[in-house]
Amino acid sequence: MNSKPVALVTGANKGIGLQIAKDLAAKGFKVIVGSRDLDLGVAAAKSVGAEAEAVQLDVTDLASIAAAARHIQDRLGRLDALVNNAGISRPIKPGMSIEEMRAGDKASLVSIEDMRGVFETNVFGVVAVTQVMLPLLRKAKGQIVFVNSSAGLRSPANAGQFSATQHAFRSVADSLRDEVNVDGIRVLSIFPGRTATPRMEKLFAKEGRAYRPELLLQPEDVAEMVTHALRLPRTAEVTDISIRPMQKSY
């Protein structure tokens, strides 16, 4: 069995998730890269380090989640950290008011059905992964990280569709913390502002804004905060981290 602490990072084939995976590997973790597309996950794992490996993990597919948990149990026998990073913002279009959404309206830029789809990944998928991994985490007195968004702290105009998923995400983390602290499990939520990732580049294009990644948070900024919190002595628990770009460009 593996002697290193084991960390599973979902949605880790790019962006913030990939950087968290790299930082955890550098800090001595055996990292499991969770990716819906296994080929992309395998490529990402190679960039994380020689000991990293990938598992196919679609957070909206219960069979996929169960298979990932069996893989970790059978090969490694432990799970010390779960980083819930997988999430989507599409097909919700930035700048659309609640009133503009139409149920079943194919001509609408976004529909109620589209919003349900985002909830499936950002909320229900996270709950499903966490539930399945909890027995492994409980045995290790592990840690859980919820990579949220600044949208999980406030809901500005024309962003309520996505913000609603992130507020629900936050509520899951807060409730879970009260449930599992007694088992020695720590729960952290981190709320990054806009971060220079491929996903954010697409968002700026949709908004018609110039994309200047040097003015945004960097994935390394977010990853450093996460890995630092995970490595704190067990006399402390960081519950919420809000992190923003130093220069505001949006």
Protein backbone atom coordinates (compact mmCIF):
# COMPACT_ATOMS: atom_id res chain seq x y z
CA MET A 1 0.00 0.00 0.00
CA ASN A 2 1.03 3.59 -0.59
CA SER A 3 2.72 5.36 2.36
CA LYS A 4 2.34 8.93 1.09
CA PRO A 5 -0.75 11.02 1.80
CA VAL A 6 -3.12 10.71 -1.15
CA ALA A 7 -5.02 13.60 -2.73
CA LEU A 8 -7.78 13.38 -5.34
CA VAL A 9 -8.32 16.57 -7.34
CA THR A 10 -11.42 16.63 -9.55
CA GLY A 11 -11.42 18.60 -12.80
CA ALA A 12 -7.63 18.58 -12.61
CA ASN A 13 -6.67 18.40 -16.28
CA LYS A 14 -6.28 22.20 -16.59
CA GLY A 15 -6.50 25.56 -14.84
CA ILE A 16 -6.75 25.85 -11.06
CA GLY A 17 -7.24 22.12 -10.55
CA LEU A 18 -4.08 21.23 -12.45
CA GLN A 19 -2.03 23.77 -10.51
CA ILE A 20 -3.37 22.51 -7.17
CA ALA A 21 -2.41 18.98 -8.25
CA LYS A 22 1.13 20.13 -9.10
CA ASP A 23 1.54 21.96 -5.80
CA LEU A 24 0.27 19.01 -3.77
CA ALA A 25 2.69 16.70 -5.56
CA ALA A 26 5.52 19.10 -4.79
CA LYS A 27 4.48 19.00 -1.11
CA GLY A 28 4.76 15.22 -0.92
CA PHE A 29 1.25 14.04 -1.84
CA LYS A 30 0.48 11.13 -4.11
CA VAL A 31 -1.90 12.90 -6.50
CA ILE A 32 -4.82 11.39 -8.35
CA VAL A 33 -5.91 13.54 -11.28
CA GLY A 34 -9.66 13.24 -11.77
CA SER A 35 -10.81 14.09 -15.28
CA ARG A 36 -13.98 13.42 -17.26
CA ASP A 37 -11.77 12.80 -20.31
CA LEU A 38 -9.26 10.13 -19.29
CA ASP A 39 -6.80 10.96 -22.08
CA LEU A 40 -6.63 14.57 -20.91
CA GLY A 41 -6.26 13.34 -17.34
CA VAL A 42 -3.35 11.07 -18.25
CA ALA A 43 -1.58 13.94 -20.02
CA ALA A 44 -2.16 16.21 -17.02
CA ALA A 45 -0.86 13.56 -14.60
CA LYS A 46 2.39 13.37 -16.55
CA SER A 47 2.86 17.10 -16.04
CA VAL A 48 2.09 16.79 -12.32
CA GLY A 49 4.87 14.31 -11.62
CA ALA A 50 6.18 10.80 -12.04
CA GLU A 51 4.05 9.38 -9.22
CA ALA A 52 0.79 11.09 -10.20
CA GLU A 53 -1.89 9.04 -11.89
CA ALA A 54 -5.22 9.71 -13.53
CA VAL A 55 -8.70 8.30 -13.06
CA GLN A 56 -11.71 8.81 -15.29
CA LEU A 57 -14.13 10.78 -13.15
CA ASP A 58 -17.35 12.33 -14.39
CA VAL A 59 -18.99 13.92 -11.36
CA THR A 60 -22.43 13.57 -12.96
CA ASP A 61 -22.04 9.79 -13.39
CA LEU A 62 -22.44 7.70 -10.22
CA ALA A 63 -20.81 4.64 -11.81
CA SER A 64 -17.76 6.72 -12.72
CA ILE A 65 -17.49 8.07 -9.17
CA ALA A 66 -17.82 4.60 -7.63
CA ALA A 67 -15.14 3.22 -9.98
CA ALA A 68 -12.75 6.01 -9.00
CA ALA A 69 -13.30 5.27 -5.31
CA ARG A 70 -12.64 1.54 -5.85
CA HIS A 71 -9.46 2.40 -7.73
CA ILE A 72 -8.18 4.51 -4.85
CA GLN A 73 -9.14 1.91 -2.25
CA ASP A 74 -7.66 -1.06 -4.13
CA ARG A 75 -4.43 0.57 -5.29
CA LEU A 76 -3.67 3.01 -2.49
CA GLY A 77 -5.87 2.11 0.47
CA ARG A 78 -6.30 5.68 1.65
CA LEU A 79 -7.52 9.17 0.77
CA ASP A 80 -6.16 12.09 2.77
CA ALA A 81 -7.51 15.01 0.75
CA LEU A 82 -10.38 15.54 -1.66
CA VAL A 83 -10.28 18.73 -3.71
CA ASN A 84 -13.69 19.37 -5.27
CA ASN A 85 -12.65 21.52 -8.20
CA ALA A 86 -14.74 20.22 -11.13
CA GLY A 87 -17.37 22.70 -12.26
CA ILE A 88 -18.86 24.48 -15.25
CA SER A 89 -20.29 27.89 -15.99
CA ARG A 90 -21.74 27.10 -19.41
CA PRO A 91 -24.28 27.25 -20.89
CA ILE A 92 -25.30 30.17 -18.68
CA LYS A 93 -24.52 33.34 -20.58
CA PRO A 94 -22.98 36.26 -18.68
CA GLY A 95 -25.08 39.39 -18.61
CA MET A 96 -28.45 37.66 -18.76
CA SER A 97 -31.12 38.66 -16.27
CA ILE A 98 -33.35 36.21 -14.44
CA GLU A 99 -36.32 37.58 -16.39
CA GLU A 100 -34.71 36.72 -19.74
CA MET A 101 -34.52 32.99 -19.00
CA ARG A 102 -37.32 30.98 -20.59
CA ALA A 103 -38.32 27.43 -19.70
CA GLY A 104 -38.32 25.27 -22.81
CA ASP A 105 -37.59 28.22 -25.12
CA LYS A 106 -34.97 27.10 -27.64
CA ALA A 107 -34.62 30.66 -28.93
CA SER A 108 -33.63 31.92 -25.49
CA LEU A 109 -29.94 32.48 -24.85
CA VAL A 110 -30.28 30.34 -21.74
CA SER A 111 -33.18 28.36 -20.38
CA ILE A 112 -34.29 27.00 -17.05
CA GLU A 113 -33.18 23.58 -18.33
CA ASP A 114 -29.67 24.96 -18.94
CA MET A 115 -29.55 26.20 -15.37
CA ARG A 116 -30.54 22.75 -14.10
CA GLY A 117 -27.63 21.31 -16.08
CA VAL A 118 -25.15 23.55 -14.29
CA PHE A 119 -26.63 22.52 -10.94
CA GLU A 120 -26.08 18.86 -11.93
CA THR A 121 -22.31 19.40 -12.08
CA ASN A 122 -21.64 22.23 -9.65
CA VAL A 123 -23.88 21.02 -6.81
CA PHE A 124 -25.27 17.51 -7.23
CA GLY A 125 -22.03 16.20 -8.71
CA VAL A 126 -19.97 17.61 -5.86
CA VAL A 127 -22.33 16.08 -3.29
CA ALA A 128 -22.13 12.69 -5.02
CA VAL A 129 -18.32 12.65 -5.13
CA THR A 130 -18.05 13.75 -1.50
CA GLN A 131 -20.53 11.13 -0.30
CA VAL A 132 -18.71 8.29 -2.04
CA MET A 133 -15.25 9.39 -0.88
CA LEU A 134 -16.22 10.07 2.76
CA PRO A 135 -15.55 6.53 4.06
CA LEU A 136 -11.97 6.73 2.78
CA LEU A 137 -11.56 10.26 4.13
CA ARG A 138 -12.98 9.31 7.51
CA LYS A 139 -10.47 6.46 7.93
CA ALA A 140 -7.61 8.86 7.22
CA LYS A 141 -9.05 11.81 9.17
CA GLY A 142 -8.68 13.59 5.87
CA GLN A 143 -9.50 17.00 4.47
CA ILE A 144 -11.97 18.32 1.91
CA VAL A 145 -11.51 21.45 -0.20
CA PHE A 146 -14.35 23.12 -2.10
CA VAL A 147 -12.98 25.35 -4.86
CA ASN A 148 -15.86 27.80 -5.10
CA SER A 149 -15.91 31.29 -6.67
CA SER A 150 -16.41 34.87 -5.65
CA ALA A 151 -19.90 34.27 -7.07
CA GLY A 152 -20.48 32.10 -4.01
CA LEU A 153 -20.24 35.18 -1.77
CA ARG A 154 -22.44 37.64 -3.63
CA SER A 155 -24.92 37.66 -6.51
CA PRO A 156 -24.58 40.74 -8.72
CA ALA A 157 -27.17 41.65 -11.33
CA ASN A 158 -27.28 39.39 -14.38
CA ALA A 159 -25.22 36.67 -12.69
CA GLY A 160 -27.85 35.04 -10.50
CA GLN A 161 -28.04 31.86 -12.57
CA PHE A 162 -24.41 30.87 -11.94
CA SER A 163 -24.21 32.48 -8.49
CA ALA A 164 -27.10 30.34 -7.32
CA THR A 165 -25.07 27.19 -7.95
CA GLN A 166 -22.08 28.58 -6.07
CA HIS A 167 -24.17 29.65 -3.07
CA ALA A 168 -25.62 26.13 -2.92
CA PHE A 169 -22.08 24.78 -3.18
CA ARG A 170 -21.08 26.93 -0.20
CA SER A 171 -24.05 25.72 1.85
CA VAL A 172 -23.08 22.10 1.23
CA ALA A 173 -19.56 22.80 2.48
CA ASP A 174 -20.74 24.67 5.58
CA SER A 175 -23.19 21.96 6.58
CA LEU A 176 -20.72 19.18 5.88
CA ARG A 177 -18.09 20.85 8.07
CA ASP A 178 -20.41 20.72 11.07
CA GLU A 179 -21.16 17.07 10.34
CA VAL A 180 -17.63 15.74 9.90
CA ASN A 181 -15.43 17.85 12.17
CA VAL A 182 -16.25 15.36 14.92
CA ASP A 183 -14.59 12.68 12.77
CA GLY A 184 -11.40 14.72 12.51
CA ILE A 185 -12.11 15.89 8.94
CA ARG A 186 -11.37 19.51 8.05
CA VAL A 187 -13.42 21.33 5.39
CA LEU A 188 -12.17 24.40 3.51
CA SER A 189 -14.00 26.61 1.02
CA ILE A 190 -11.94 28.92 -1.17
CA PHE A 191 -13.58 31.74 -3.13
CA PRO A 192 -11.26 32.99 -5.90
CA GLY A 193 -12.04 36.04 -7.96
CA ARG A 194 -11.40 35.89 -11.69
CA THR A 195 -8.37 33.74 -12.41
CA ALA A 196 -6.26 33.44 -15.56
CA THR A 197 -7.51 30.10 -16.90
CA PRO A 198 -8.81 28.89 -20.29
CA ARG A 199 -12.33 28.96 -18.86
CA MET A 200 -11.95 32.60 -17.88
CA GLU A 201 -10.55 33.54 -21.29
CA LYS A 202 -13.74 32.19 -22.86
CA LEU A 203 -15.86 34.12 -20.36
CA PHE A 204 -14.14 37.41 -21.21
CA ALA A 205 -14.75 36.73 -24.91
CA LYS A 206 -18.46 36.18 -24.23
CA GLU A 207 -18.57 39.47 -22.33
CA GLY A 208 -16.78 41.30 -25.15
CA ARG A 209 -13.95 42.33 -22.81
CA ALA A 210 -10.22 42.42 -23.52
CA TYR A 211 -8.60 39.43 -21.80
CA ARG A 212 -5.55 40.58 -19.81
CA PRO A 213 -4.47 37.56 -17.76
CA GLU A 214 -1.66 39.50 -16.08
CA LEU A 215 -4.30 41.54 -14.22
CA LEU A 216 -6.12 38.48 -12.90
CA LEU A 217 -5.37 36.01 -10.17
CA GLN A 218 -2.99 33.28 -11.27
CA PRO A 219 -3.72 29.57 -10.71
CA GLU A 220 -0.53 29.48 -8.64
CA ASP A 221 -2.02 32.05 -6.23
CA VAL A 222 -5.05 29.90 -5.55
CA ALA A 223 -3.05 26.67 -5.32
CA GLU A 224 -0.63 28.14 -2.80
CA MET A 225 -3.47 29.13 -0.48
CA VAL A 226 -5.03 25.67 -0.71
CA THR A 227 -1.83 23.74 -0.08
CA HIS A 228 -0.88 26.02 2.81
CA ALA A 229 -4.25 25.48 4.51
CA LEU A 230 -4.03 21.71 4.04
CA ARG A 231 -0.63 21.62 5.72
CA LEU A 232 -1.60 23.56 8.84
CA PRO A 233 -1.22 21.77 12.19
CA ARG A 234 -4.37 19.97 13.31
CA THR A 235 -4.89 22.50 16.08
CA ALA A 236 -6.35 24.83 13.42
CA GLU A 237 -8.93 24.74 10.65
CA VAL A 238 -9.24 27.33 7.90
CA THR A 239 -12.89 27.42 6.90
CA ASP A 240 -13.13 30.15 4.24
CA ILE A 241 -10.58 31.94 2.07
CA SER A 242 -11.59 34.85 -0.15
CA ILE A 243 -8.90 35.84 -2.65
CA ARG A 244 -9.06 38.58 -5.30
CA PRO A 245 -6.86 40.04 -8.02
CA MET A 246 -4.74 42.89 -6.65
CA GLN A 247 -5.58 45.05 -9.68
CA LYS A 248 -9.25 45.20 -10.67
CA SER A 249 -9.78 44.89 -14.40
CA TYR A 250 -13.46 43.91 -14.44
